[in-house]
Amino acid sequence: MTSVGLAKIPPGGAPVFAAPGGPREYLIHEGVLLGFDSREGNFLEVVNTCNDVVWVRETDVDVIPKARSAGPAGQANLARATIVVDPGHGSRDWGGVGPTGLSEKDVNLDVSVRLRDLLLSSHDVNWTTGDVVAGSTVPAVDAVFLTRDPAGPLDGDYELGLAYRSHIANTAGADAFVSIHHNTVPTADPEGPGSEVFYAWSVEDSDRLASLIHQELLLSFQDFDVDWKGGVIRGARARIDPETDTDYYGLLRRANMPAVIVEGAYISEPEEEALLRTDEFRQAYAEAVYRGIVRFLTTPEFGEDVNEPELFTSSAGTASTSSCVVPEQPDD
């Protein structure tokens, strides 16, 4: 009997209960993933998309048991690996918006789908140029889960709480957790891309994952000729809440595995927004993260530009879930 794992909502939706055996609260939309780590008889205790603890019947959902580890990072069996990819933002939490209206939530989802597709296929990789082509030297991973998926409600445009996102990664048994984002409000004019990758300070090896992804982003983006913008600090970073002495970002603070938030480009800047509208740049972003994950899992390598954790007292602008709406299955 599985006590930890994922519950995928099947076609037609599934009833959700406030307590085991209680009255139905609502019918959650097909295609949504829910993580569970406790059960009572036939009922699974899950975290819904708005961070609420609720219950579903095991017989009403498709259960995916928590995966076993693919092995220590650096010498993992890639073909056994489970990765959770988190497209940042969604629905009314749209994230950044470019000068001509390009929404970060939409770009994040597109890049995440491309990353999932890369991870689920085998390839040959030129580690000098970064070229990724069909081949057999780098095998596909065993499983990839998106926290919001185009196959789900509203073509993947639904809101997710931070606790939900991390809970999916934890209950899936992910070997790595990668959240895809884009930045706004630059403060510097770097010579190259202003990409940043935030790592979970509290989880060992997250800094190495961040450093490798950052290194691969610079490789992928070097051939795009734009007036790059960025921040004073670039590379792999961690932010610490001085009041709690823990990771500032709730997504990373709750993760049980190496976890990062990737900020690929500055969507607020005209030239970078124009790049983000192109398939070429989005694919380059996905391929960079893909190569970073592969190197992280299969080699002991460490990237460059790793910064020491910094105290962070400002607001990162995370949207409140006080008005969050769980996607419900429409009535026929």
Protein backbone atom coordinates (compact mmCIF):
# COMPACT_ATOMS: atom_id res chain seq x y z
CA MET A 1 0.00 0.00 0.00
CA THR A 2 1.57 3.26 -1.17
CA SER A 3 1.82 5.92 1.55
CA VAL A 4 3.80 8.58 -0.34
CA GLY A 5 3.52 9.59 -3.96
CA LEU A 6 1.51 11.53 -6.52
CA ALA A 7 -2.19 11.37 -7.30
CA LYS A 8 -3.00 12.32 -10.88
CA ILE A 9 -6.58 13.38 -11.47
CA PRO A 10 -8.06 11.22 -14.26
CA PRO A 11 -10.51 12.24 -17.01
CA GLY A 12 -13.75 13.46 -15.49
CA GLY A 13 -12.07 14.89 -12.38
CA ALA A 14 -12.08 13.59 -8.82
CA PRO A 15 -14.04 14.53 -5.68
CA VAL A 16 -12.14 16.35 -2.93
CA PHE A 17 -13.02 16.08 0.76
CA ALA A 18 -12.16 18.23 3.77
CA ALA A 19 -11.86 15.07 5.87
CA PRO A 20 -11.92 11.32 5.19
CA GLY A 21 -15.49 10.15 4.76
CA GLY A 22 -16.90 13.68 4.89
CA PRO A 23 -19.09 15.40 2.28
CA ARG A 24 -17.58 16.32 -1.08
CA GLU A 25 -16.18 19.85 -1.22
CA TYR A 26 -15.62 20.14 -4.98
CA LEU A 27 -14.59 18.18 -8.08
CA ILE A 28 -10.97 18.94 -8.95
CA HIS A 29 -10.04 19.23 -12.62
CA GLU A 30 -8.62 16.34 -14.62
CA GLY A 31 -4.89 16.50 -15.31
CA VAL A 32 -3.94 18.13 -11.98
CA LEU A 33 -1.19 16.50 -9.92
CA LEU A 34 -1.52 16.23 -6.14
CA GLY A 35 1.16 15.04 -3.77
CA PHE A 36 0.30 12.83 -0.79
CA ASP A 37 2.38 11.67 2.17
CA SER A 38 -0.28 10.25 4.47
CA ARG A 39 -3.37 8.10 4.19
CA GLU A 40 -6.35 6.92 6.20
CA GLY A 41 -7.78 3.76 4.74
CA ASN A 42 -8.79 4.50 1.15
CA PHE A 43 -8.26 8.25 1.60
CA LEU A 44 -5.04 10.06 0.68
CA GLU A 45 -4.07 13.30 2.41
CA VAL A 46 -2.99 15.74 -0.32
CA VAL A 47 -1.99 19.38 -0.73
CA ASN A 48 -4.17 21.08 -3.32
CA THR A 49 -3.01 23.76 -5.76
CA CYS A 50 -3.81 26.53 -3.26
CA ASN A 51 -1.74 24.93 -0.44
CA ASP A 52 -4.73 23.51 1.46
CA VAL A 53 -4.55 20.07 3.04
CA VAL A 54 -7.49 18.02 1.76
CA TRP A 55 -8.33 14.39 0.96
CA VAL A 56 -9.07 12.31 -2.11
CA ARG A 57 -10.06 8.65 -2.44
CA GLU A 58 -7.32 6.42 -3.78
CA THR A 59 -9.85 4.71 -6.04
CA ASP A 60 -10.74 8.05 -7.67
CA VAL A 61 -7.19 8.94 -8.80
CA ASP A 62 -4.21 7.46 -10.62
CA VAL A 63 -1.53 6.77 -8.01
CA ILE A 64 2.16 7.18 -8.86
CA PRO A 65 4.35 5.84 -6.02
CA LYS A 66 7.26 7.95 -4.84
CA ALA A 67 10.34 7.18 -6.94
CA ARG A 68 13.50 5.69 -5.55
CA SER A 69 16.65 7.76 -5.75
CA ALA A 70 18.66 7.40 -8.94
CA GLY A 71 21.81 7.41 -6.80
CA PRO A 72 24.09 10.08 -5.34
CA ALA A 73 24.29 13.26 -7.40
CA GLY A 74 27.44 13.10 -9.46
CA GLN A 75 27.19 9.36 -10.05
CA ALA A 76 23.46 8.83 -10.52
CA ASN A 77 21.89 6.48 -13.03
CA LEU A 78 20.31 9.01 -15.38
CA ALA A 79 17.88 6.43 -16.77
CA ARG A 80 16.41 6.00 -13.27
CA ALA A 81 16.17 9.71 -12.45
CA THR A 82 13.00 11.62 -11.63
CA ILE A 83 12.93 15.37 -12.25
CA VAL A 84 10.27 17.88 -11.27
CA VAL A 85 10.13 21.01 -13.45
CA ASP A 86 8.16 23.95 -12.10
CA PRO A 87 6.92 26.58 -14.59
CA GLY A 88 6.90 29.66 -12.39
CA HIS A 89 3.70 31.69 -11.85
CA GLY A 90 0.35 30.99 -13.54
CA SER A 91 -3.15 32.48 -13.92
CA ARG A 92 -3.50 35.83 -12.07
CA ASP A 93 0.05 35.36 -10.74
CA TRP A 94 1.48 36.26 -14.12
CA GLY A 95 5.00 37.18 -13.01
CA GLY A 96 6.90 39.71 -15.08
CA VAL A 97 5.45 41.37 -18.18
CA GLY A 98 7.55 42.63 -21.07
CA PRO A 99 7.29 46.11 -22.66
CA THR A 100 5.04 44.76 -25.43
CA GLY A 101 2.97 42.54 -23.14
CA LEU A 102 4.79 39.20 -23.19
CA SER A 103 3.83 37.37 -20.00
CA GLU A 104 6.47 35.54 -17.98
CA LYS A 105 4.02 32.80 -16.94
CA ASP A 106 3.54 31.83 -20.60
CA VAL A 107 7.23 31.78 -21.46
CA ASN A 108 8.02 29.81 -18.31
CA LEU A 109 5.52 27.13 -19.31
CA ASP A 110 6.84 26.89 -22.87
CA VAL A 111 10.47 26.56 -21.74
CA SER A 112 9.45 23.97 -19.13
CA VAL A 113 7.67 21.82 -21.71
CA ARG A 114 10.74 21.97 -23.96
CA LEU A 115 12.92 20.95 -21.00
CA ARG A 116 10.63 18.04 -20.17
CA ASP A 117 10.73 16.83 -23.77
CA LEU A 118 14.53 16.98 -23.80
CA LEU A 119 14.81 15.03 -20.55
CA LEU A 120 12.44 12.32 -21.78
CA SER A 121 14.48 11.66 -24.94
CA SER A 122 18.02 10.36 -25.47
CA HIS A 123 20.62 12.63 -27.07
CA ASP A 124 24.17 13.21 -28.11
CA VAL A 125 25.66 16.37 -26.59
CA ASN A 126 28.67 18.37 -27.71
CA TRP A 127 29.83 19.66 -24.33
CA THR A 128 32.10 22.25 -25.95
CA THR A 129 29.54 23.94 -28.19
CA GLY A 130 26.42 22.95 -26.29
CA ASP A 131 24.77 21.36 -29.33
CA VAL A 132 22.09 18.82 -28.41
CA VAL A 133 20.99 16.37 -31.11
CA ALA A 134 19.14 13.08 -31.27
CA GLY A 135 21.40 10.21 -30.24
CA SER A 136 22.07 7.57 -27.63
CA THR A 137 25.01 8.68 -25.49
CA VAL A 138 22.83 10.57 -22.96
CA PRO A 139 19.82 8.41 -22.04
CA ALA A 140 16.36 9.68 -21.23
CA VAL A 141 15.43 10.04 -17.56
CA ASP A 142 12.76 7.79 -16.09
CA ALA A 143 10.15 10.44 -15.28
CA VAL A 144 9.54 14.18 -15.49
CA PHE A 145 6.63 15.92 -13.77
CA LEU A 146 5.50 19.48 -14.49
CA THR A 147 3.81 21.23 -11.58
CA ARG A 148 1.43 22.78 -14.13
CA ASP A 149 0.98 21.11 -17.46
CA PRO A 150 -0.58 22.20 -20.77
CA ALA A 151 -2.51 18.91 -20.68
CA GLY A 152 -4.21 20.09 -17.49
CA PRO A 153 -6.87 22.75 -16.91
CA LEU A 154 -6.83 26.00 -18.91
CA ASP A 155 -3.94 24.71 -21.05
CA GLY A 156 -1.68 24.88 -17.98
CA ASP A 157 -2.55 28.45 -17.00
CA TYR A 158 -3.61 27.92 -13.40
CA GLU A 159 -2.31 29.26 -10.09
CA LEU A 160 -0.12 27.21 -7.77
CA GLY A 161 0.94 27.87 -4.21
CA LEU A 162 4.59 27.58 -3.22
CA ALA A 163 3.90 24.81 -0.69
CA TYR A 164 2.06 22.84 -3.40
CA ARG A 165 4.97 23.13 -5.83
CA SER A 166 7.56 21.89 -3.35
CA HIS A 167 5.22 19.18 -2.05
CA ILE A 168 4.96 17.76 -5.58
CA ALA A 169 8.76 17.51 -5.78
CA ASN A 170 9.05 15.96 -2.32
CA THR A 171 6.33 13.36 -2.79
CA ALA A 172 7.48 12.51 -6.32
CA GLY A 173 10.90 11.57 -4.95
CA ALA A 174 12.61 13.97 -7.35
CA ASP A 175 16.38 13.80 -7.78
CA ALA A 176 16.32 17.48 -8.74
CA PHE A 177 13.74 20.27 -8.59
CA VAL A 178 14.07 23.09 -11.13
CA SER A 179 11.80 26.15 -11.25
CA ILE A 180 11.85 28.14 -14.50
CA HIS A 181 11.54 31.94 -14.37
CA HIS A 182 12.56 35.20 -16.00
CA ASN A 183 13.75 38.36 -14.34
CA THR A 184 12.75 42.04 -14.19
CA VAL A 185 14.22 45.37 -13.04
CA PRO A 186 17.94 45.06 -13.89
CA THR A 187 20.49 47.12 -11.98
CA ALA A 188 23.62 46.67 -14.09
CA ASP A 189 24.93 46.42 -17.67
CA PRO A 190 26.97 43.19 -17.73
CA GLU A 191 29.23 42.19 -20.59
CA GLY A 192 27.19 39.03 -21.13
CA PRO A 193 23.84 37.54 -20.10
CA GLY A 194 22.58 38.57 -16.65
CA SER A 195 21.25 35.11 -15.86
CA GLU A 196 20.94 34.10 -12.20
CA VAL A 197 20.24 30.77 -10.56
CA PHE A 198 19.12 30.71 -6.92
CA TYR A 199 19.95 27.58 -4.94
CA ALA A 200 18.51 26.03 -1.79
CA TRP A 201 21.08 26.94 0.86
CA SER A 202 19.68 24.29 3.22
CA VAL A 203 20.01 21.37 0.76
CA GLU A 204 23.42 19.92 -0.01
CA ASP A 205 24.55 20.08 -3.63
CA SER A 206 21.96 22.68 -4.67
CA ASP A 207 24.77 25.18 -5.19
CA ARG A 208 26.51 22.77 -7.55
CA LEU A 209 23.30 22.26 -9.54
CA ALA A 210 22.85 26.04 -9.77
CA SER A 211 26.45 26.62 -10.84
CA LEU A 212 26.25 24.07 -13.65
CA ILE A 213 22.96 25.40 -14.99
CA HIS A 214 24.33 28.94 -14.89
CA GLN A 215 27.45 27.90 -16.76
CA GLU A 216 25.35 26.21 -19.44
CA LEU A 217 23.07 29.26 -19.75
CA LEU A 218 26.07 31.44 -20.54
CA LEU A 219 27.18 28.92 -23.17
CA SER A 220 23.72 28.78 -24.79
CA PHE A 221 23.19 32.54 -24.77
CA GLN A 222 26.63 33.69 -25.91
CA ASP A 223 25.70 33.72 -29.60
CA PHE A 224 22.69 36.02 -29.16
CA ASP A 225 23.75 39.60 -29.89
CA VAL A 226 21.74 41.86 -27.58
CA ASP A 227 22.42 44.60 -25.06
CA TRP A 228 22.23 42.30 -22.03
CA LYS A 229 20.97 43.58 -18.69
CA GLY A 230 21.50 42.09 -15.26
CA GLY A 231 22.19 42.63 -11.60
CA VAL A 232 25.25 43.56 -9.62
CA ILE A 233 25.54 39.94 -8.44
CA ARG A 234 25.33 37.23 -11.11
CA GLY A 235 25.74 33.49 -11.15
CA ALA A 236 24.64 30.96 -8.52
CA ARG A 237 23.10 32.72 -5.53
CA ALA A 238 21.26 32.01 -2.28
CA ARG A 239 19.15 34.41 -0.24
CA ILE A 240 18.73 33.99 3.52
CA ASP A 241 15.92 35.40 5.65
CA PRO A 242 17.76 37.04 8.58
CA GLU A 243 14.78 36.58 10.90
CA THR A 244 14.62 32.81 10.48
CA ASP A 245 18.14 32.02 9.22
CA THR A 246 16.62 29.85 6.49
CA ASP A 247 16.19 30.11 2.73
CA TYR A 248 14.25 33.25 1.83
CA TYR A 249 12.39 31.58 -1.02
CA GLY A 250 9.64 29.30 0.28
CA LEU A 251 9.91 27.10 -2.78
CA LEU A 252 13.53 26.28 -1.94
CA ARG A 253 13.06 26.27 1.83
CA ARG A 254 10.51 23.46 1.59
CA ALA A 255 12.46 21.27 -0.85
CA ASN A 256 14.01 17.99 0.32
CA MET A 257 16.29 17.56 -2.70
CA PRO A 258 18.73 19.77 -4.67
CA ALA A 259 16.54 22.65 -5.84
CA VAL A 260 17.03 25.82 -7.84
CA ILE A 261 15.12 28.78 -9.26
CA VAL A 262 16.44 29.72 -12.71
CA GLU A 263 16.11 33.33 -13.90
CA GLY A 264 17.09 33.03 -17.56
CA ALA A 265 16.68 36.49 -19.07
CA TYR A 266 15.21 39.91 -18.26
CA ILE A 267 11.72 39.92 -19.75
CA SER A 268 11.33 43.56 -18.70
CA GLU A 269 13.97 44.67 -21.24
CA PRO A 270 12.94 45.26 -24.90
CA GLU A 271 15.77 43.35 -26.55
CA GLU A 272 15.53 40.38 -24.22
CA GLU A 273 11.73 40.31 -24.45
CA ALA A 274 12.11 40.15 -28.24
CA LEU A 275 14.45 37.18 -27.83
CA LEU A 276 11.99 35.46 -25.51
CA ARG A 277 9.36 35.60 -28.23
CA THR A 278 11.49 33.34 -30.44
CA ASP A 279 11.52 29.55 -30.51
CA GLU A 280 15.29 29.66 -30.98
CA PHE A 281 15.96 31.40 -27.67
CA ARG A 282 13.42 29.37 -25.70
CA GLN A 283 14.98 26.16 -27.00
CA ALA A 284 18.47 27.43 -26.14
CA TYR A 285 17.25 28.13 -22.59
CA ALA A 286 15.75 24.64 -22.26
CA GLU A 287 18.86 22.97 -23.67
CA ALA A 288 21.09 24.86 -21.23
CA VAL A 289 19.07 23.69 -18.22
CA TYR A 290 18.96 20.17 -19.66
CA ARG A 291 22.76 20.03 -19.97
CA GLY A 292 23.16 21.41 -16.45
CA ILE A 293 20.89 18.73 -14.99
CA VAL A 294 22.68 15.95 -16.88
CA ARG A 295 26.10 17.15 -15.69
CA PHE A 296 24.81 17.51 -12.13
CA LEU A 297 23.44 13.98 -11.96
CA THR A 298 26.21 12.14 -13.80
CA THR A 299 29.46 14.02 -13.05
CA PRO A 300 31.12 15.53 -9.97
CA GLU A 301 31.76 18.78 -11.86
CA PHE A 302 31.21 22.18 -10.29
CA GLY A 303 30.48 25.34 -12.27
CA GLU A 304 31.85 28.83 -11.76
CA ASP A 305 30.41 32.03 -10.28
CA VAL A 306 29.07 30.55 -7.04
CA ASN A 307 28.24 33.29 -4.56
CA GLU A 308 28.08 32.97 -0.80
CA PRO A 309 24.56 33.21 0.69
CA GLU A 310 23.38 36.78 1.18
CA LEU A 311 20.96 38.21 3.74
CA PHE A 312 17.80 39.39 2.00
CA THR A 313 15.32 41.74 3.66
CA SER A 314 13.41 43.08 0.64
CA SER A 315 10.23 41.66 -0.87
CA ALA A 316 10.56 39.39 -3.89
CA GLY A 317 6.98 40.15 -4.90
CA THR A 318 5.47 36.70 -4.41
CA ALA A 319 1.73 36.75 -5.05
CA SER A 320 -0.52 35.87 -2.12
CA THR A 321 -2.67 32.75 -2.42
CA SER A 322 -5.49 34.36 -0.40
CA SER A 323 -7.62 34.58 -3.56
CA CYS A 324 -6.29 31.38 -5.13
CA VAL A 325 -8.89 29.26 -6.91
CA VAL A 326 -8.52 25.49 -7.27
CA PRO A 327 -9.28 24.43 -10.88
CA GLU A 328 -12.57 22.55 -10.84
CA GLN A 329 -13.93 20.13 -13.38
CA PRO A 330 -16.72 21.79 -15.39
CA ASP A 331 -20.17 20.26 -15.33
CA ASP A 332 -21.10 18.39 -18.48
